[in-house]
């Protein structure tokens, strides 16, 4: 069940060693106040890919609505990473 929480925040679309990697990170609004409650997830994903030799090529976002009590807004960020040693 611990993995379920992680999978709900970000996902991989491809495996390792490919020229490009596509990932999605769901940013959730804080229950109180403004801003993202899990911005560090986005930072961690970028740093993990950089450590593997990828650079952030592009990012696109879409806004999702609030669902249920304390749902808050959701921003779905799609990140495309490019392997830096491509020739």
PDB file of N, CA and C in Angstrom:
ATOM      1  N   UNK A   1       0.827  -1.196   0.000  1.00  0.00           N
ATOM      2  CA  UNK A   1       0.000   0.000   0.000  1.00  0.00           C
ATOM      3  C   UNK A   1       0.866   1.252   0.000  1.00  0.00           C
ATOM      4  N   UNK A   2       2.086   1.181   0.511  1.00  0.00           N
ATOM      5  CA  UNK A   2       2.965   2.353   0.529  1.00  0.00           C
ATOM      6  C   UNK A   2       3.273   2.804  -0.886  1.00  0.00           C
ATOM      7  N   UNK A   3       3.428   1.886  -1.827  1.00  0.00           N
ATOM      8  CA  UNK A   3       3.700   2.233  -3.219  1.00  0.00           C
ATOM      9  C   UNK A   3       2.527   2.922  -3.895  1.00  0.00           C
ATOM     10  N   UNK A   4       1.316   2.637  -3.447  1.00  0.00           N
ATOM     11  CA  UNK A   4       0.135   3.246  -4.054  1.00  0.00           C
ATOM     12  C   UNK A   4       0.177   4.758  -3.922  1.00  0.00           C
ATOM     13  N   UNK A   5       0.550   5.261  -2.754  1.00  0.00           N
ATOM     14  CA  UNK A   5       0.625   6.697  -2.524  1.00  0.00           C
ATOM     15  C   UNK A   5       1.625   7.339  -3.477  1.00  0.00           C
ATOM     16  N   UNK A   6       2.768   6.700  -3.683  1.00  0.00           N
ATOM     17  CA  UNK A   6       3.779   7.245  -4.582  1.00  0.00           C
ATOM     18  C   UNK A   6       3.277   7.223  -6.022  1.00  0.00           C
ATOM     19  N   UNK A   7       2.657   6.139  -6.452  1.00  0.00           N
ATOM     20  CA  UNK A   7       2.179   6.024  -7.814  1.00  0.00           C
ATOM     21  C   UNK A   7       1.098   7.046  -8.128  1.00  0.00           C
ATOM     22  N   UNK A   8       0.355   7.481  -7.138  1.00  0.00           N
ATOM     23  CA  UNK A   8      -0.709   8.440  -7.396  1.00  0.00           C
ATOM     24  C   UNK A   8      -0.153   9.841  -7.638  1.00  0.00           C
ATOM     25  N   UNK A   9       1.109  10.077  -7.278  1.00  0.00           N
ATOM     26  CA  UNK A   9       1.691  11.397  -7.443  1.00  0.00           C
ATOM     27  C   UNK A   9       2.505  11.528  -8.717  1.00  0.00           C
ATOM     28  N   UNK A  10       3.219  10.488  -9.139  1.00  0.00           N
ATOM     29  CA  UNK A  10       3.954  10.565 -10.383  1.00  0.00           C
ATOM     30  C   UNK A  10       4.050   9.193 -11.028  1.00  0.00           C
ATOM     31  N   UNK A  11       4.259   9.194 -12.338  1.00  0.00           N
ATOM     32  CA  UNK A  11       4.315   7.942 -13.073  1.00  0.00           C
ATOM     33  C   UNK A  11       5.316   8.043 -14.215  1.00  0.00           C
ATOM     34  N   UNK A  12       5.864   6.914 -14.603  1.00  0.00           N
ATOM     35  CA  UNK A  12       6.787   6.823 -15.727  1.00  0.00           C
ATOM     36  C   UNK A  12       6.051   6.254 -16.924  1.00  0.00           C
ATOM     37  N   UNK A  13       6.370   6.767 -18.112  1.00  0.00           N
ATOM     38  CA  UNK A  13       5.759   6.233 -19.319  1.00  0.00           C
ATOM     39  C   UNK A  13       6.712   5.306 -20.050  1.00  0.00           C
ATOM     40  N   UNK A  14       7.978   5.257 -19.647  1.00  0.00           N
ATOM     41  CA  UNK A  14       8.949   4.445 -20.366  1.00  0.00           C
ATOM     42  C   UNK A  14      10.013   3.903 -19.419  1.00  0.00           C
ATOM     43  N   UNK A  15      10.852   3.036 -19.956  1.00  0.00           N
ATOM     44  CA  UNK A  15      11.893   2.408 -19.158  1.00  0.00           C
ATOM     45  C   UNK A  15      13.191   3.189 -19.156  1.00  0.00           C
ATOM     46  N   UNK A  16      14.228   2.571 -18.633  1.00  0.00           N
ATOM     47  CA  UNK A  16      15.529   3.222 -18.489  1.00  0.00           C
ATOM     48  C   UNK A  16      16.343   3.095 -19.774  1.00  0.00           C
ATOM     49  N   UNK A  17      17.284   4.007 -19.948  1.00  0.00           N
ATOM     50  CA  UNK A  17      18.224   3.933 -21.056  1.00  0.00           C
ATOM     51  C   UNK A  17      17.716   4.442 -22.390  1.00  0.00           C
ATOM     52  N   UNK A  18      16.531   4.971 -22.441  1.00  0.00           N
ATOM     53  CA  UNK A  18      15.976   5.479 -23.702  1.00  0.00           C
ATOM     54  C   UNK A  18      16.428   6.914 -23.937  1.00  0.00           C
ATOM     55  N   UNK A  19      16.399   7.377 -25.190  1.00  0.00           N
ATOM     56  CA  UNK A  19      16.812   8.750 -25.482  1.00  0.00           C
ATOM     57  C   UNK A  19      15.933   9.799 -24.789  1.00  0.00           C
ATOM     58  N   UNK A  20      14.650   9.506 -24.625  1.00  0.00           N
ATOM     59  CA  UNK A  20      13.718  10.425 -23.972  1.00  0.00           C
ATOM     60  C   UNK A  20      12.906   9.667 -22.930  1.00  0.00           C
ATOM     61  N   UNK A  21      12.589  10.335 -21.837  1.00  0.00           N
ATOM     62  CA  UNK A  21      11.746   9.771 -20.777  1.00  0.00           C
ATOM     63  C   UNK A  21      10.610  10.753 -20.529  1.00  0.00           C
ATOM     64  N   UNK A  22       9.388  10.235 -20.463  1.00  0.00           N
ATOM     65  CA  UNK A  22       8.210  11.057 -20.195  1.00  0.00           C
ATOM     66  C   UNK A  22       7.673  10.683 -18.821  1.00  0.00           C
ATOM     67  N   UNK A  23       7.436  11.689 -17.998  1.00  0.00           N
ATOM     68  CA  UNK A  23       6.916  11.461 -16.655  1.00  0.00           C
ATOM     69  C   UNK A  23       5.801  12.458 -16.372  1.00  0.00           C
ATOM     70  N   UNK A  24       4.912  12.076 -15.466  1.00  0.00           N
ATOM     71  CA  UNK A  24       3.862  12.982 -15.016  1.00  0.00           C
ATOM     72  C   UNK A  24       3.923  13.110 -13.506  1.00  0.00           C
ATOM     73  N   UNK A  25       3.738  14.345 -13.036  1.00  0.00           N
ATOM     74  CA  UNK A  25       3.695  14.633 -11.610  1.00  0.00           C
ATOM     75  C   UNK A  25       2.403  15.378 -11.337  1.00  0.00           C
ATOM     76  N   UNK A  26       1.650  14.935 -10.346  1.00  0.00           N
ATOM     77  CA  UNK A  26       0.427  15.620  -9.957  1.00  0.00           C
ATOM     78  C   UNK A  26       0.730  16.501  -8.758  1.00  0.00           C
ATOM     79  N   UNK A  27       0.558  17.802  -8.935  1.00  0.00           N
ATOM     80  CA  UNK A  27       0.767  18.760  -7.862  1.00  0.00           C
ATOM     81  C   UNK A  27      -0.581  19.058  -7.234  1.00  0.00           C
ATOM     82  N   UNK A  28      -0.635  18.952  -5.921  1.00  0.00           N
ATOM     83  CA  UNK A  28      -1.886  19.149  -5.194  1.00  0.00           C
ATOM     84  C   UNK A  28      -1.821  20.436  -4.393  1.00  0.00           C
ATOM     85  N   UNK A  29      -2.906  21.186  -4.417  1.00  0.00           N
ATOM     86  CA  UNK A  29      -2.977  22.418  -3.636  1.00  0.00           C
ATOM     87  C   UNK A  29      -2.981  22.084  -2.150  1.00  0.00           C
ATOM     88  N   UNK A  30      -2.329  22.934  -1.364  1.00  0.00           N
ATOM     89  CA  UNK A  30      -2.325  22.742   0.084  1.00  0.00           C
ATOM     90  C   UNK A  30      -3.746  22.806   0.628  1.00  0.00           C
ATOM     91  N   UNK A  31      -3.993  22.075   1.702  1.00  0.00           N
ATOM     92  CA  UNK A  31      -5.313  22.085   2.329  1.00  0.00           C
ATOM     93  C   UNK A  31      -5.630  23.480   2.863  1.00  0.00           C
ATOM     94  N   UNK A  32      -4.642  24.134   3.476  1.00  0.00           N
ATOM     95  CA  UNK A  32      -4.784  25.514   3.942  1.00  0.00           C
ATOM     96  C   UNK A  32      -3.732  26.358   3.248  1.00  0.00           C
ATOM     97  N   UNK A  33      -4.096  27.570   2.861  1.00  0.00           N
ATOM     98  CA  UNK A  33      -3.141  28.476   2.228  1.00  0.00           C
ATOM     99  C   UNK A  33      -3.083  28.268   0.725  1.00  0.00           C
ATOM    100  N   UNK A  34      -2.045  28.812   0.131  1.00  0.00           N
ATOM    101  CA  UNK A  34      -1.889  28.714  -1.316  1.00  0.00           C
ATOM    102  C   UNK A  34      -0.598  27.991  -1.655  1.00  0.00           C
ATOM    103  N   UNK A  35      -0.474  27.613  -2.907  1.00  0.00           N
ATOM    104  CA  UNK A  35       0.723  26.925  -3.369  1.00  0.00           C
ATOM    105  C   UNK A  35       0.528  25.417  -3.360  1.00  0.00           C
ATOM    106  N   UNK A  36       1.543  24.722  -3.848  1.00  0.00           N
ATOM    107  CA  UNK A  36       1.475  23.273  -3.941  1.00  0.00           C
ATOM    108  C   UNK A  36       1.916  22.632  -2.638  1.00  0.00           C
ATOM    109  N   UNK A  37       1.196  21.604  -2.238  1.00  0.00           N
ATOM    110  CA  UNK A  37       1.543  20.883  -1.025  1.00  0.00           C
ATOM    111  C   UNK A  37       2.648  19.862  -1.236  1.00  0.00           C
ATOM    112  N   UNK A  38       2.959  19.535  -2.503  1.00  0.00           N
ATOM    113  CA  UNK A  38       3.984  18.528  -2.768  1.00  0.00           C
ATOM    114  C   UNK A  38       4.940  18.972  -3.879  1.00  0.00           C
ATOM    115  N   UNK A  39       5.326  20.215  -3.854  1.00  0.00           N
ATOM    116  CA  UNK A  39       6.262  20.739  -4.847  1.00  0.00           C
ATOM    117  C   UNK A  39       7.593  20.002  -4.806  1.00  0.00           C
ATOM    118  N   UNK A  40       7.949  19.479  -3.660  1.00  0.00           N
ATOM    119  CA  UNK A  40       9.199  18.720  -3.560  1.00  0.00           C
ATOM    120  C   UNK A  40       9.167  17.455  -4.414  1.00  0.00           C
ATOM    121  N   UNK A  41       7.976  16.909  -4.685  1.00  0.00           N
ATOM    122  CA  UNK A  41       7.887  15.749  -5.586  1.00  0.00           C
ATOM    123  C   UNK A  41       8.400  16.113  -6.973  1.00  0.00           C
ATOM    124  N   UNK A  42       8.007  17.274  -7.469  1.00  0.00           N
ATOM    125  CA  UNK A  42       8.463  17.737  -8.778  1.00  0.00           C
ATOM    126  C   UNK A  42       9.978  17.928  -8.774  1.00  0.00           C
ATOM    127  N   UNK A  43      10.485  18.558  -7.738  1.00  0.00           N
ATOM    128  CA  UNK A  43      11.924  18.777  -7.612  1.00  0.00           C
ATOM    129  C   UNK A  43      12.680  17.449  -7.552  1.00  0.00           C
ATOM    130  N   UNK A  44      12.160  16.496  -6.800  1.00  0.00           N
ATOM    131  CA  UNK A  44      12.810  15.185  -6.681  1.00  0.00           C
ATOM    132  C   UNK A  44      12.860  14.448  -8.008  1.00  0.00           C
ATOM    133  N   UNK A  45      11.764  14.492  -8.775  1.00  0.00           N
ATOM    134  CA  UNK A  45      11.725  13.832 -10.078  1.00  0.00           C
ATOM    135  C   UNK A  45      12.780  14.437 -11.001  1.00  0.00           C
ATOM    136  N   UNK A  46      12.874  15.766 -11.035  1.00  0.00           N
ATOM    137  CA  UNK A  46      13.855  16.426 -11.902  1.00  0.00           C
ATOM    138  C   UNK A  46      15.276  16.065 -11.472  1.00  0.00           C
ATOM    139  N   UNK A  47      15.561  16.099 -10.176  1.00  0.00           N
ATOM    140  CA  UNK A  47      16.900  15.774  -9.691  1.00  0.00           C
ATOM    141  C   UNK A  47      17.264  14.304  -9.914  1.00  0.00           C
ATOM    142  N   UNK A  48      16.303  13.406  -9.763  1.00  0.00           N
ATOM    143  CA  UNK A  48      16.565  11.980 -10.005  1.00  0.00           C
ATOM    144  C   UNK A  48      16.919  11.730 -11.469  1.00  0.00           C
ATOM    145  N   UNK A  49      16.207  12.374 -12.375  1.00  0.00           N
ATOM    146  CA  UNK A  49      16.504  12.196 -13.794  1.00  0.00           C
ATOM    147  C   UNK A  49      17.842  12.836 -14.162  1.00  0.00           C
ATOM    148  N   UNK A  50      18.164  13.969 -13.565  1.00  0.00           N
ATOM    149  CA  UNK A  50      19.461  14.618 -13.808  1.00  0.00           C
ATOM    150  C   UNK A  50      20.599  13.698 -13.361  1.00  0.00           C
ATOM    151  N   UNK A  51      20.419  13.013 -12.241  1.00  0.00           N
ATOM    152  CA  UNK A  51      21.436  12.090 -11.750  1.00  0.00           C
ATOM    153  C   UNK A  51      21.631  10.904 -12.695  1.00  0.00           C
ATOM    154  N   UNK A  52      20.604  10.589 -13.488  1.00  0.00           N
ATOM    155  CA  UNK A  52      20.690   9.495 -14.458  1.00  0.00           C
ATOM    156  C   UNK A  52      21.219   9.965 -15.812  1.00  0.00           C
ATOM    157  N   UNK A  53      21.542  11.263 -15.932  1.00  0.00           N
ATOM    158  CA  UNK A  53      22.096  11.780 -17.179  1.00  0.00           C
ATOM    159  C   UNK A  53      21.069  12.396 -18.117  1.00  0.00           C
ATOM    160  N   UNK A  54      19.901  12.748 -17.598  1.00  0.00           N
ATOM    161  CA  UNK A  54      18.865  13.383 -18.405  1.00  0.00           C
ATOM    162  C   UNK A  54      18.734  14.850 -18.026  1.00  0.00           C
ATOM    163  N   UNK A  55      18.297  15.658 -18.983  1.00  0.00           N
ATOM    164  CA  UNK A  55      17.982  17.058 -18.701  1.00  0.00           C
ATOM    165  C   UNK A  55      16.518  17.284 -19.040  1.00  0.00           C
ATOM    166  N   UNK A  56      15.916  18.240 -18.360  1.00  0.00           N
ATOM    167  CA  UNK A  56      14.515  18.570 -18.631  1.00  0.00           C
ATOM    168  C   UNK A  56      14.438  19.258 -19.979  1.00  0.00           C
ATOM    169  N   UNK A  57      13.777  18.616 -20.917  1.00  0.00           N
ATOM    170  CA  UNK A  57      13.636  19.144 -22.273  1.00  0.00           C
ATOM    171  C   UNK A  57      12.442  20.081 -22.360  1.00  0.00           C
ATOM    172  N   UNK A  58      11.303  19.653 -21.826  1.00  0.00           N
ATOM    173  CA  UNK A  58      10.104  20.487 -21.858  1.00  0.00           C
ATOM    174  C   UNK A  58       9.122  20.022 -20.786  1.00  0.00           C
ATOM    175  N   UNK A  59       8.191  20.914 -20.488  1.00  0.00           N
ATOM    176  CA  UNK A  59       7.173  20.633 -19.477  1.00  0.00           C
ATOM    177  C   UNK A  59       5.858  21.250 -19.944  1.00  0.00           C
ATOM    178  N   UNK A  60       4.779  20.536 -19.718  1.00  0.00           N
ATOM    179  CA  UNK A  60       3.443  21.047 -20.029  1.00  0.00           C
ATOM    180  C   UNK A  60       2.559  20.779 -18.813  1.00  0.00           C
ATOM    181  N   UNK A  61       1.636  21.671 -18.551  1.00  0.00           N
ATOM    182  CA  UNK A  61       0.748  21.502 -17.406  1.00  0.00           C
ATOM    183  C   UNK A  61      -0.708  21.607 -17.834  1.00  0.00           C
ATOM    184  N   UNK A  62      -1.546  20.932 -17.074  1.00  0.00           N
ATOM    185  CA  UNK A  62      -2.991  21.073 -17.247  1.00  0.00           C
ATOM    186  C   UNK A  62      -3.597  21.137 -15.852  1.00  0.00           C
ATOM    187  N   UNK A  63      -4.694  21.853 -15.747  1.00  0.00           N
ATOM    188  CA  UNK A  63      -5.339  22.082 -14.461  1.00  0.00           C
ATOM    189  C   UNK A  63      -6.526  21.149 -14.320  1.00  0.00           C
ATOM    190  N   UNK A  64      -6.591  20.451 -13.180  1.00  0.00           N
ATOM    191  CA  UNK A  64      -7.725  19.588 -12.871  1.00  0.00           C
ATOM    192  C   UNK A  64      -8.551  20.215 -11.766  1.00  0.00           C
ATOM    193  N   UNK A  65      -9.806  19.917 -11.726  1.00  0.00           N
ATOM    194  CA  UNK A  65     -10.693  20.509 -10.735  1.00  0.00           C
ATOM    195  C   UNK A  65     -10.618  19.831  -9.389  1.00  0.00           C
ATOM    196  N   UNK A  66     -11.385  20.368  -8.468  1.00  0.00           N
ATOM    197  CA  UNK A  66     -11.456  19.858  -7.103  1.00  0.00           C
ATOM    198  C   UNK A  66     -12.491  18.742  -7.041  1.00  0.00           C
ATOM    199  N   UNK A  67     -12.181  17.698  -6.291  1.00  0.00           N
ATOM    200  CA  UNK A  67     -13.112  16.584  -6.119  1.00  0.00           C
ATOM    201  C   UNK A  67     -13.261  16.282  -4.640  1.00  0.00           C
ATOM    202  N   UNK A  68     -14.448  16.425  -4.126  1.00  0.00           N
ATOM    203  CA  UNK A  68     -14.724  16.014  -2.753  1.00  0.00           C
ATOM    204  C   UNK A  68     -14.180  16.945  -1.689  1.00  0.00           C
ATOM    205  N   UNK A  69     -14.366  16.551  -0.451  1.00  0.00           N
ATOM    206  CA  UNK A  69     -13.947  17.331   0.702  1.00  0.00           C
ATOM    207  C   UNK A  69     -12.434  17.471   0.738  1.00  0.00           C
ATOM    208  N   UNK A  70     -11.963  18.699   0.825  1.00  0.00           N
ATOM    209  CA  UNK A  70     -10.521  18.945   0.919  1.00  0.00           C
ATOM    210  C   UNK A  70      -9.761  18.555  -0.323  1.00  0.00           C
ATOM    211  N   UNK A  71     -10.474  18.419  -1.458  1.00  0.00           N
ATOM    212  CA  UNK A  71      -9.833  17.957  -2.681  1.00  0.00           C
ATOM    213  C   UNK A  71      -8.792  18.910  -3.213  1.00  0.00           C
ATOM    214  N   UNK A  72      -9.106  20.202  -3.236  1.00  0.00           N
ATOM    215  CA  UNK A  72      -8.165  21.181  -3.759  1.00  0.00           C
ATOM    216  C   UNK A  72      -7.933  20.997  -5.242  1.00  0.00           C
ATOM    217  N   UNK A  73      -7.340  21.991  -5.858  1.00  0.00           N
ATOM    218  CA  UNK A  73      -7.025  21.901  -7.278  1.00  0.00           C
ATOM    219  C   UNK A  73      -5.847  20.976  -7.506  1.00  0.00           C
ATOM    220  N   UNK A  74      -5.801  20.408  -8.693  1.00  0.00           N
ATOM    221  CA  UNK A  74      -4.701  19.538  -9.103  1.00  0.00           C
ATOM    222  C   UNK A  74      -4.100  20.112 -10.381  1.00  0.00           C
ATOM    223  N   UNK A  75      -2.788  20.099 -10.444  1.00  0.00           N
ATOM    224  CA  UNK A  75      -2.087  20.472 -11.670  1.00  0.00           C
ATOM    225  C   UNK A  75      -1.314  19.248 -12.119  1.00  0.00           C
ATOM    226  N   UNK A  76      -1.584  18.792 -13.333  1.00  0.00           N
ATOM    227  CA  UNK A  76      -0.899  17.638 -13.897  1.00  0.00           C
ATOM    228  C   UNK A  76       0.257  18.159 -14.741  1.00  0.00           C
ATOM    229  N   UNK A  77       1.484  17.896 -14.321  1.00  0.00           N
ATOM    230  CA  UNK A  77       2.670  18.333 -15.053  1.00  0.00           C
ATOM    231  C   UNK A  77       3.242  17.139 -15.817  1.00  0.00           C
ATOM    232  N   UNK A  78       3.389  17.294 -17.129  1.00  0.00           N
ATOM    233  CA  UNK A  78       4.011  16.277 -17.962  1.00  0.00           C
ATOM    234  C   UNK A  78       5.402  16.768 -18.316  1.00  0.00           C
ATOM    235  N   UNK A  79       6.414  15.997 -17.952  1.00  0.00           N
ATOM    236  CA  UNK A  79       7.803  16.383 -18.151  1.00  0.00           C
ATOM    237  C   UNK A  79       8.448  15.464 -19.181  1.00  0.00           C
ATOM    238  N   UNK A  80       9.202  16.048 -20.097  1.00  0.00           N
ATOM    239  CA  UNK A  80       9.963  15.274 -21.075  1.00  0.00           C
ATOM    240  C   UNK A  80      11.432  15.521 -20.800  1.00  0.00           C
ATOM    241  N   UNK A  81      12.151  14.431 -20.541  1.00  0.00           N
ATOM    242  CA  UNK A  81      13.582  14.496 -20.278  1.00  0.00           C
ATOM    243  C   UNK A  81      14.339  13.929 -21.475  1.00  0.00           C
ATOM    244  N   UNK A  82      15.462  14.542 -21.802  1.00  0.00           N
ATOM    245  CA  UNK A  82      16.309  14.104 -22.900  1.00  0.00           C
ATOM    246  C   UNK A  82      17.638  13.628 -22.338  1.00  0.00           C
ATOM    247  N   UNK A  83      18.086  12.460 -22.808  1.00  0.00           N
ATOM    248  CA  UNK A  83      19.380  11.954 -22.358  1.00  0.00           C
ATOM    249  C   UNK A  83      20.477  12.876 -22.885  1.00  0.00           C
ATOM    250  N   UNK A  84      21.382  13.293 -22.020  1.00  0.00           N
ATOM    251  CA  UNK A  84      22.382  14.297 -22.395  1.00  0.00           C
ATOM    252  C   UNK A  84      23.521  13.720 -23.242  1.00  0.00           C
ATOM    253  N   UNK A  85      23.748  12.435 -23.225  1.00  0.00           N
ATOM    254  CA  UNK A  85      24.854  11.867 -23.994  1.00  0.00           C
ATOM    255  C   UNK A  85      24.438  11.384 -25.384  1.00  0.00           C
ATOM    256  N   UNK A  86      23.309  11.871 -25.895  1.00  0.00           N
ATOM    257  CA  UNK A  86      22.839  11.492 -27.236  1.00  0.00           C
ATOM    258  C   UNK A  86      23.807  12.025 -28.285  1.00  0.00           C
ATOM    259  N   UNK A  87      24.053  11.220 -29.287  1.00  0.00           N
ATOM    260  CA  UNK A  87      24.949  11.647 -30.382  1.00  0.00           C
ATOM    261  C   UNK A  87      24.225  11.574 -31.691  1.00  0.00           C
TER     262      UNK A  87
END
